[in-house]
PDB file of N, CA and C in Angstrom:
ATOM      1  N   MET A   1       0.309  -0.769 -15.574  1.00  0.00           N
ATOM      2  CA  MET A   1      -1.005  -1.516 -16.149  1.00  0.00           C
ATOM      3  C   MET A   1      -1.769  -0.256 -14.658  1.00  0.00           C
ATOM      4  N   SER A   2      -2.812   0.235 -15.073  1.00  0.00           N
ATOM      5  CA  SER A   2      -3.839   0.728 -13.690  1.00  0.00           C
ATOM      6  C   SER A   2      -4.878  -0.547 -13.750  1.00  0.00           C
ATOM      7  N   ALA A   3      -4.896  -0.259 -12.445  1.00  0.00           N
ATOM      8  CA  ALA A   3      -6.184  -1.387 -12.092  1.00  0.00           C
ATOM      9  C   ALA A   3      -7.219  -1.279 -13.185  1.00  0.00           C
ATOM     10  N   ASP A   4      -7.792   0.016 -13.674  1.00  0.00           N
ATOM     11  CA  ASP A   4      -8.413   0.226 -14.227  1.00  0.00           C
ATOM     12  C   ASP A   4      -8.900  -0.826 -15.943  1.00  0.00           C
ATOM     13  N   SER A   5      -7.422  -0.605 -16.334  1.00  0.00           N
ATOM     14  CA  SER A   5      -7.472  -1.803 -17.626  1.00  0.00           C
ATOM     15  C   SER A   5      -7.111  -3.011 -17.434  1.00  0.00           C
ATOM     16  N   LYS A   6      -6.993  -3.411 -16.359  1.00  0.00           N
ATOM     17  CA  LYS A   6      -7.337  -5.180 -16.659  1.00  0.00           C
ATOM     18  C   LYS A   6      -8.523  -5.658 -17.091  1.00  0.00           C
ATOM     19  N   SER A   7      -8.745  -6.470 -17.394  1.00  0.00           N
ATOM     20  CA  SER A   7      -9.793  -6.603 -18.143  1.00  0.00           C
ATOM     21  C   SER A   7     -10.142  -8.440 -17.339  1.00  0.00           C
ATOM     22  N   ASN A   8     -10.782  -8.255 -16.535  1.00  0.00           N
ATOM     23  CA  ASN A   8     -10.642  -9.217 -15.322  1.00  0.00           C
ATOM     24  C   ASN A   8     -11.943  -8.678 -14.412  1.00  0.00           C
ATOM     25  N   SER A   9     -12.161  -9.414 -13.194  1.00  0.00           N
ATOM     26  CA  SER A   9     -13.122  -9.377 -12.144  1.00  0.00           C
ATOM     27  C   SER A   9     -12.358  -9.066 -10.755  1.00  0.00           C
ATOM     28  N   MET A  10     -11.231  -8.924 -10.834  1.00  0.00           N
ATOM     29  CA  MET A  10     -10.812  -8.375  -9.567  1.00  0.00           C
ATOM     30  C   MET A  10     -10.877  -7.027  -8.826  1.00  0.00           C
ATOM     31  N   ILE A  11     -11.378  -7.135  -7.876  1.00  0.00           N
ATOM     32  CA  ILE A  11     -12.021  -6.263  -6.873  1.00  0.00           C
ATOM     33  C   ILE A  11     -10.855  -5.685  -6.390  1.00  0.00           C
ATOM     34  N   TYR A  12     -10.884  -3.492  -6.360  1.00  0.00           N
ATOM     35  CA  TYR A  12      -9.736  -3.433  -5.821  1.00  0.00           C
ATOM     36  C   TYR A  12     -10.145  -2.283  -4.618  1.00  0.00           C
ATOM     37  N   ARG A  13      -9.414  -1.863  -3.694  1.00  0.00           N
ATOM     38  CA  ARG A  13      -9.994  -0.856  -2.798  1.00  0.00           C
ATOM     39  C   ARG A  13      -8.814   0.069  -2.252  1.00  0.00           C
ATOM     40  N   HIS A  14      -9.174   1.364  -2.179  1.00  0.00           N
ATOM     41  CA  HIS A  14      -8.792   2.359  -1.557  1.00  0.00           C
ATOM     42  C   HIS A  14      -7.705   2.328  -0.798  1.00  0.00           C
ATOM     43  N   LEU A  15      -6.358   2.874  -0.728  1.00  0.00           N
ATOM     44  CA  LEU A  15      -5.467   2.316   0.256  1.00  0.00           C
ATOM     45  C   LEU A  15      -5.605   3.495   1.166  1.00  0.00           C
ATOM     46  N   GLY A  16      -6.221   4.040   2.056  1.00  0.00           N
ATOM     47  CA  GLY A  16      -6.228   4.904   2.720  1.00  0.00           C
ATOM     48  C   GLY A  16      -7.128   6.406   2.085  1.00  0.00           C
ATOM     49  N   ARG A  17      -6.677   7.122   2.069  1.00  0.00           N
ATOM     50  CA  ARG A  17      -6.864   8.426   1.485  1.00  0.00           C
ATOM     51  C   ARG A  17      -5.869   8.937   0.475  1.00  0.00           C
ATOM     52  N   SER A  18      -4.908   7.437  -0.046  1.00  0.00           N
ATOM     53  CA  SER A  18      -4.038   8.066  -0.998  1.00  0.00           C
ATOM     54  C   SER A  18      -4.606   8.084  -2.426  1.00  0.00           C
ATOM     55  N   GLY A  19      -5.292   7.850  -2.435  1.00  0.00           N
ATOM     56  CA  GLY A  19      -5.913   7.542  -4.072  1.00  0.00           C
ATOM     57  C   GLY A  19      -5.596   6.184  -4.190  1.00  0.00           C
ATOM     58  N   LEU A  20      -4.627   5.476  -4.307  1.00  0.00           N
ATOM     59  CA  LEU A  20      -4.032   4.558  -4.637  1.00  0.00           C
ATOM     60  C   LEU A  20      -4.675   3.100  -4.658  1.00  0.00           C
ATOM     61  N   GLN A  21      -5.035   1.965  -5.318  1.00  0.00           N
ATOM     62  CA  GLN A  21      -5.880   1.614  -5.658  1.00  0.00           C
ATOM     63  C   GLN A  21      -4.856   0.213  -5.582  1.00  0.00           C
ATOM     64  N   VAL A  22      -5.418  -0.887  -4.615  1.00  0.00           N
ATOM     65  CA  VAL A  22      -4.866  -2.202  -4.773  1.00  0.00           C
ATOM     66  C   VAL A  22      -5.921  -3.062  -4.611  1.00  0.00           C
ATOM     67  N   SER A  23      -5.371  -4.455  -4.997  1.00  0.00           N
ATOM     68  CA  SER A  23      -6.639  -5.652  -5.232  1.00  0.00           C
ATOM     69  C   SER A  23      -6.715  -5.851  -3.683  1.00  0.00           C
ATOM     70  N   LEU A  24      -7.713  -6.398  -4.034  1.00  0.00           N
ATOM     71  CA  LEU A  24      -8.171  -7.045  -2.715  1.00  0.00           C
ATOM     72  C   LEU A  24      -7.768  -8.543  -2.464  1.00  0.00           C
ATOM     73  N   PHE A  25      -7.345  -9.090  -3.171  1.00  0.00           N
ATOM     74  CA  PHE A  25      -5.767  -9.862  -2.752  1.00  0.00           C
ATOM     75  C   PHE A  25      -4.271  -9.811  -3.194  1.00  0.00           C
ATOM     76  N   SER A  26      -3.484 -10.214  -2.192  1.00  0.00           N
ATOM     77  CA  SER A  26      -1.921 -10.038  -2.545  1.00  0.00           C
ATOM     78  C   SER A  26      -1.380 -11.212  -2.661  1.00  0.00           C
ATOM     79  N   LEU A  27       0.040 -11.135  -3.487  1.00  0.00           N
ATOM     80  CA  LEU A  27       0.618 -11.993  -3.455  1.00  0.00           C
ATOM     81  C   LEU A  27       1.753 -11.626  -1.968  1.00  0.00           C
ATOM     82  N   GLY A  28       1.707 -12.691  -1.053  1.00  0.00           N
ATOM     83  CA  GLY A  28       2.712 -12.880  -0.176  1.00  0.00           C
ATOM     84  C   GLY A  28       4.014 -13.740  -0.773  1.00  0.00           C
ATOM     85  N   SER A  29       4.656 -13.475   0.025  1.00  0.00           N
ATOM     86  CA  SER A  29       6.571 -14.253  -0.251  1.00  0.00           C
ATOM     87  C   SER A  29       6.600 -14.241   1.069  1.00  0.00           C
ATOM     88  N   TRP A  30       6.311 -14.343   2.312  1.00  0.00           N
ATOM     89  CA  TRP A  30       6.920 -14.912   3.497  1.00  0.00           C
ATOM     90  C   TRP A  30       7.424 -16.348   3.358  1.00  0.00           C
ATOM     91  N   VAL A  31       6.685 -17.363   3.244  1.00  0.00           N
ATOM     92  CA  VAL A  31       7.202 -19.024   3.459  1.00  0.00           C
ATOM     93  C   VAL A  31       7.360 -19.648   2.566  1.00  0.00           C
ATOM     94  N   THR A  32       6.762 -18.928   1.133  1.00  0.00           N
ATOM     95  CA  THR A  32       7.320 -19.475  -0.033  1.00  0.00           C
ATOM     96  C   THR A  32       8.657 -19.055  -0.458  1.00  0.00           C
ATOM     97  N   PHE A  33       8.721 -17.871  -0.955  1.00  0.00           N
ATOM     98  CA  PHE A  33       9.490 -17.399  -1.871  1.00  0.00           C
ATOM     99  C   PHE A  33      11.251 -17.773  -1.187  1.00  0.00           C
ATOM    100  N   HIS A  34      12.007 -18.056  -2.020  1.00  0.00           N
ATOM    101  CA  HIS A  34      13.611 -18.651  -1.058  1.00  0.00           C
ATOM    102  C   HIS A  34      13.580 -20.492  -0.609  1.00  0.00           C
ATOM    103  N   ASN A  35      12.758 -20.044   0.364  1.00  0.00           N
ATOM    104  CA  ASN A  35      12.501 -21.945   0.931  1.00  0.00           C
ATOM    105  C   ASN A  35      12.002 -22.563   0.682  1.00  0.00           C
ATOM    106  N   GLN A  36      10.667 -22.434  -0.297  1.00  0.00           N
ATOM    107  CA  GLN A  36      10.097 -23.488  -1.092  1.00  0.00           C
ATOM    108  C   GLN A  36      10.183 -22.975  -2.742  1.00  0.00           C
ATOM    109  N   VAL A  37       9.786 -22.272  -3.501  1.00  0.00           N
ATOM    110  CA  VAL A  37      10.189 -21.741  -4.675  1.00  0.00           C
ATOM    111  C   VAL A  37      11.262 -20.907  -5.154  1.00  0.00           C
ATOM    112  N   ASP A  38      11.711 -21.537  -6.116  1.00  0.00           N
ATOM    113  CA  ASP A  38      12.816 -21.176  -6.796  1.00  0.00           C
ATOM    114  C   ASP A  38      12.379 -19.437  -7.638  1.00  0.00           C
ATOM    115  N   ALA A  39      13.553 -19.112  -8.336  1.00  0.00           N
ATOM    116  CA  ALA A  39      12.849 -17.593  -9.046  1.00  0.00           C
ATOM    117  C   ALA A  39      12.384 -18.157 -10.339  1.00  0.00           C
ATOM    118  N   SER A  40      12.543 -19.102 -10.593  1.00  0.00           N
ATOM    119  CA  SER A  40      11.454 -19.269 -11.876  1.00  0.00           C
ATOM    120  C   SER A  40      10.436 -19.719 -11.555  1.00  0.00           C
ATOM    121  N   GLY A  41      10.268 -20.082 -10.367  1.00  0.00           N
ATOM    122  CA  GLY A  41       8.655 -20.299  -9.979  1.00  0.00           C
ATOM    123  C   GLY A  41       8.142 -18.802  -9.441  1.00  0.00           C
ATOM    124  N   VAL A  42       9.300 -17.571  -8.551  1.00  0.00           N
ATOM    125  CA  VAL A  42       8.652 -16.456  -8.149  1.00  0.00           C
ATOM    126  C   VAL A  42       7.913 -15.740  -9.871  1.00  0.00           C
ATOM    127  N   ARG A  43       8.669 -16.000 -10.621  1.00  0.00           N
ATOM    128  CA  ARG A  43       8.145 -15.076 -11.832  1.00  0.00           C
ATOM    129  C   ARG A  43       7.115 -15.893 -12.291  1.00  0.00           C
ATOM    130  N   GLU A  44       7.204 -17.328 -12.346  1.00  0.00           N
ATOM    131  CA  GLU A  44       5.813 -17.538 -12.980  1.00  0.00           C
ATOM    132  C   GLU A  44       4.427 -17.365 -12.011  1.00  0.00           C
ATOM    133  N   MET A  45       4.801 -17.281 -10.728  1.00  0.00           N
ATOM    134  CA  MET A  45       3.939 -16.648  -9.519  1.00  0.00           C
ATOM    135  C   MET A  45       3.583 -15.930  -9.590  1.00  0.00           C
ATOM    136  N   MET A  46       3.946 -14.767  -9.821  1.00  0.00           N
ATOM    137  CA  MET A  46       4.115 -13.222  -9.979  1.00  0.00           C
ATOM    138  C   MET A  46       3.190 -12.884 -10.926  1.00  0.00           C
ATOM    139  N   ALA A  47       3.922 -13.742 -12.384  1.00  0.00           N
ATOM    140  CA  ALA A  47       3.224 -13.162 -13.301  1.00  0.00           C
ATOM    141  C   ALA A  47       1.518 -13.792 -13.623  1.00  0.00           C
ATOM    142  N   MET A  48       1.487 -14.612 -12.710  1.00  0.00           N
ATOM    143  CA  MET A  48       0.164 -15.443 -13.021  1.00  0.00           C
ATOM    144  C   MET A  48      -0.823 -14.371 -11.858  1.00  0.00           C
ATOM    145  N   ALA A  49      -0.218 -13.780 -10.997  1.00  0.00           N
ATOM    146  CA  ALA A  49      -1.011 -13.102 -10.020  1.00  0.00           C
ATOM    147  C   ALA A  49      -1.248 -11.724 -10.530  1.00  0.00           C
ATOM    148  N   TRP A  50      -0.034 -11.147 -11.167  1.00  0.00           N
ATOM    149  CA  TRP A  50      -0.471  -9.946 -12.144  1.00  0.00           C
ATOM    150  C   TRP A  50      -1.450  -9.879 -13.408  1.00  0.00           C
ATOM    151  N   ASP A  51      -1.514 -11.051 -14.143  1.00  0.00           N
ATOM    152  CA  ASP A  51      -2.273 -11.383 -15.065  1.00  0.00           C
ATOM    153  C   ASP A  51      -3.908 -11.674 -14.323  1.00  0.00           C
ATOM    154  N   ALA A  52      -4.105 -11.922 -13.096  1.00  0.00           N
ATOM    155  CA  ALA A  52      -5.604 -12.099 -12.420  1.00  0.00           C
ATOM    156  C   ALA A  52      -5.370 -10.667 -11.920  1.00  0.00           C
ATOM    157  N   GLY A  53      -4.640  -9.721 -12.052  1.00  0.00           N
ATOM    158  CA  GLY A  53      -5.580  -8.440 -11.431  1.00  0.00           C
ATOM    159  C   GLY A  53      -4.577  -8.326 -10.245  1.00  0.00           C
ATOM    160  N   VAL A  54      -3.923  -9.217  -9.989  1.00  0.00           N
ATOM    161  CA  VAL A  54      -3.559  -8.411  -8.634  1.00  0.00           C
ATOM    162  C   VAL A  54      -2.221  -7.191  -8.997  1.00  0.00           C
ATOM    163  N   ASN A  55      -1.893  -6.670  -8.113  1.00  0.00           N
ATOM    164  CA  ASN A  55      -1.160  -5.221  -7.702  1.00  0.00           C
ATOM    165  C   ASN A  55      -0.648  -4.855  -6.792  1.00  0.00           C
ATOM    166  N   PHE A  56      -0.993  -6.285  -5.817  1.00  0.00           N
ATOM    167  CA  PHE A  56      -0.423  -6.015  -4.201  1.00  0.00           C
ATOM    168  C   PHE A  56       0.216  -6.403  -4.115  1.00  0.00           C
ATOM    169  N   PHE A  57       1.910  -6.581  -3.726  1.00  0.00           N
ATOM    170  CA  PHE A  57       2.391  -7.658  -3.258  1.00  0.00           C
ATOM    171  C   PHE A  57       3.525  -7.490  -2.505  1.00  0.00           C
ATOM    172  N   ASP A  58       3.513  -8.493  -1.428  1.00  0.00           N
ATOM    173  CA  ASP A  58       3.796  -8.476  -0.435  1.00  0.00           C
ATOM    174  C   ASP A  58       4.925  -9.042   0.510  1.00  0.00           C
ATOM    175  N   ASN A  59       5.764  -8.263   0.725  1.00  0.00           N
ATOM    176  CA  ASN A  59       7.164  -8.670   1.429  1.00  0.00           C
ATOM    177  C   ASN A  59       7.748  -7.442   2.314  1.00  0.00           C
ATOM    178  N   ALA A  60       8.525  -8.363   2.761  1.00  0.00           N
ATOM    179  CA  ALA A  60       9.767  -7.762   4.168  1.00  0.00           C
ATOM    180  C   ALA A  60      10.928  -8.087   3.830  1.00  0.00           C
ATOM    181  N   GLU A  61      12.128  -7.321   4.368  1.00  0.00           N
ATOM    182  CA  GLU A  61      13.629  -7.558   4.663  1.00  0.00           C
ATOM    183  C   GLU A  61      13.809  -8.894   5.494  1.00  0.00           C
ATOM    184  N   VAL A  62      12.715  -9.504   6.281  1.00  0.00           N
ATOM    185  CA  VAL A  62      12.858 -10.845   7.147  1.00  0.00           C
ATOM    186  C   VAL A  62      12.534 -11.831   6.676  1.00  0.00           C
ATOM    187  N   TYR A  63      11.954 -11.238   5.349  1.00  0.00           N
ATOM    188  CA  TYR A  63      11.461 -13.072   4.943  1.00  0.00           C
ATOM    189  C   TYR A  63      12.518 -13.668   4.471  1.00  0.00           C
ATOM    190  N   ALA A  64      12.494 -14.873   4.739  1.00  0.00           N
ATOM    191  CA  ALA A  64      13.720 -15.473   4.267  1.00  0.00           C
ATOM    192  C   ALA A  64      15.288 -15.037   4.380  1.00  0.00           C
ATOM    193  N   ASN A  65      15.339 -14.293   5.721  1.00  0.00           N
ATOM    194  CA  ASN A  65      16.386 -12.994   5.912  1.00  0.00           C
ATOM    195  C   ASN A  65      16.930 -12.276   4.571  1.00  0.00           C
ATOM    196  N   GLY A  66      16.110 -11.948   3.769  1.00  0.00           N
ATOM    197  CA  GLY A  66      15.934 -10.869   2.921  1.00  0.00           C
ATOM    198  C   GLY A  66      16.455 -11.709   1.616  1.00  0.00           C
ATOM    199  N   GLU A  67      16.314 -13.053   1.288  1.00  0.00           N
ATOM    200  CA  GLU A  67      16.464 -13.645  -0.049  1.00  0.00           C
ATOM    201  C   GLU A  67      15.081 -13.373  -0.798  1.00  0.00           C
ATOM    202  N   SER A  68      13.945 -13.221   0.094  1.00  0.00           N
ATOM    203  CA  SER A  68      12.158 -13.185  -0.664  1.00  0.00           C
ATOM    204  C   SER A  68      12.598 -12.085  -1.555  1.00  0.00           C
ATOM    205  N   GLU A  69      12.771 -11.000  -1.113  1.00  0.00           N
ATOM    206  CA  GLU A  69      12.986  -9.761  -1.176  1.00  0.00           C
ATOM    207  C   GLU A  69      14.091  -9.522  -3.139  1.00  0.00           C
ATOM    208  N   LEU A  70      15.215 -10.503  -2.345  1.00  0.00           N
ATOM    209  CA  LEU A  70      16.421 -10.417  -3.745  1.00  0.00           C
ATOM    210  C   LEU A  70      15.718 -10.945  -4.914  1.00  0.00           C
ATOM    211  N   LEU A  71      14.572 -12.352  -4.661  1.00  0.00           N
ATOM    212  CA  LEU A  71      14.242 -13.192  -5.767  1.00  0.00           C
ATOM    213  C   LEU A  71      12.695 -12.190  -6.799  1.00  0.00           C
ATOM    214  N   MET A  72      12.147 -11.419  -5.679  1.00  0.00           N
ATOM    215  CA  MET A  72      10.962 -11.023  -6.114  1.00  0.00           C
ATOM    216  C   MET A  72      11.449  -9.735  -7.000  1.00  0.00           C
ATOM    217  N   GLY A  73      12.352  -8.603  -6.373  1.00  0.00           N
ATOM    218  CA  GLY A  73      12.882  -7.768  -7.437  1.00  0.00           C
ATOM    219  C   GLY A  73      13.929  -8.236  -8.410  1.00  0.00           C
ATOM    220  N   LYS A  74      14.317  -9.538  -8.512  1.00  0.00           N
ATOM    221  CA  LYS A  74      14.865 -10.399  -9.565  1.00  0.00           C
ATOM    222  C   LYS A  74      13.760 -10.499 -10.892  1.00  0.00           C
ATOM    223  N   ALA A  75      12.509 -11.292 -10.615  1.00  0.00           N
ATOM    224  CA  ALA A  75      11.578 -11.034 -10.910  1.00  0.00           C
ATOM    225  C   ALA A  75      11.093 -10.334 -11.392  1.00  0.00           C
ATOM    226  N   LEU A  76      11.058  -8.947 -10.860  1.00  0.00           N
ATOM    227  CA  LEU A  76      10.212  -7.764 -11.613  1.00  0.00           C
ATOM    228  C   LEU A  76      11.362  -7.330 -12.501  1.00  0.00           C
ATOM    229  N   LYS A  77      12.685  -7.400 -11.948  1.00  0.00           N
ATOM    230  CA  LYS A  77      13.326  -7.097 -13.130  1.00  0.00           C
ATOM    231  C   LYS A  77      13.397  -7.294 -14.440  1.00  0.00           C
ATOM    232  N   GLU A  78      13.710  -8.998 -14.424  1.00  0.00           N
ATOM    233  CA  GLU A  78      13.463  -9.970 -15.610  1.00  0.00           C
ATOM    234  C   GLU A  78      11.956  -9.624 -16.244  1.00  0.00           C
ATOM    235  N   GLY A  79      11.071  -9.495 -15.742  1.00  0.00           N
ATOM    236  CA  GLY A  79       9.823  -9.501 -16.311  1.00  0.00           C
ATOM    237  C   GLY A  79       9.286 -10.416 -17.170  1.00  0.00           C
ATOM    238  N   TYR A  80       8.417 -10.987 -17.573  1.00  0.00           N
ATOM    239  CA  TYR A  80       7.691 -12.292 -18.369  1.00  0.00           C
ATOM    240  C   TYR A  80       7.191 -11.721 -19.087  1.00  0.00           C
ATOM    241  N   SER A  81       7.011 -12.633 -20.187  1.00  0.00           N
ATOM    242  CA  SER A  81       6.212 -12.767 -21.754  1.00  0.00           C
ATOM    243  C   SER A  81       5.459 -13.382 -21.845  1.00  0.00           C
TER     244      SER A  81
END
């Protein structure tokens, strides 16, 4: 889904000169995923963010010793309805 097809008021910015548009707000997983939120909570949070127009999800292999990436990947793989 492109930023243009979202029916909300999210603001998007161009990422450098790439032409890629990212949402002004992002969903970060640093302290929450794995340590404070389980897999179902991660899916719910990501779905809510996506529905609000967020297309910028922050993650890194060092967050929760890699568990944060695993949970986000699982949520993406499973999707939501």
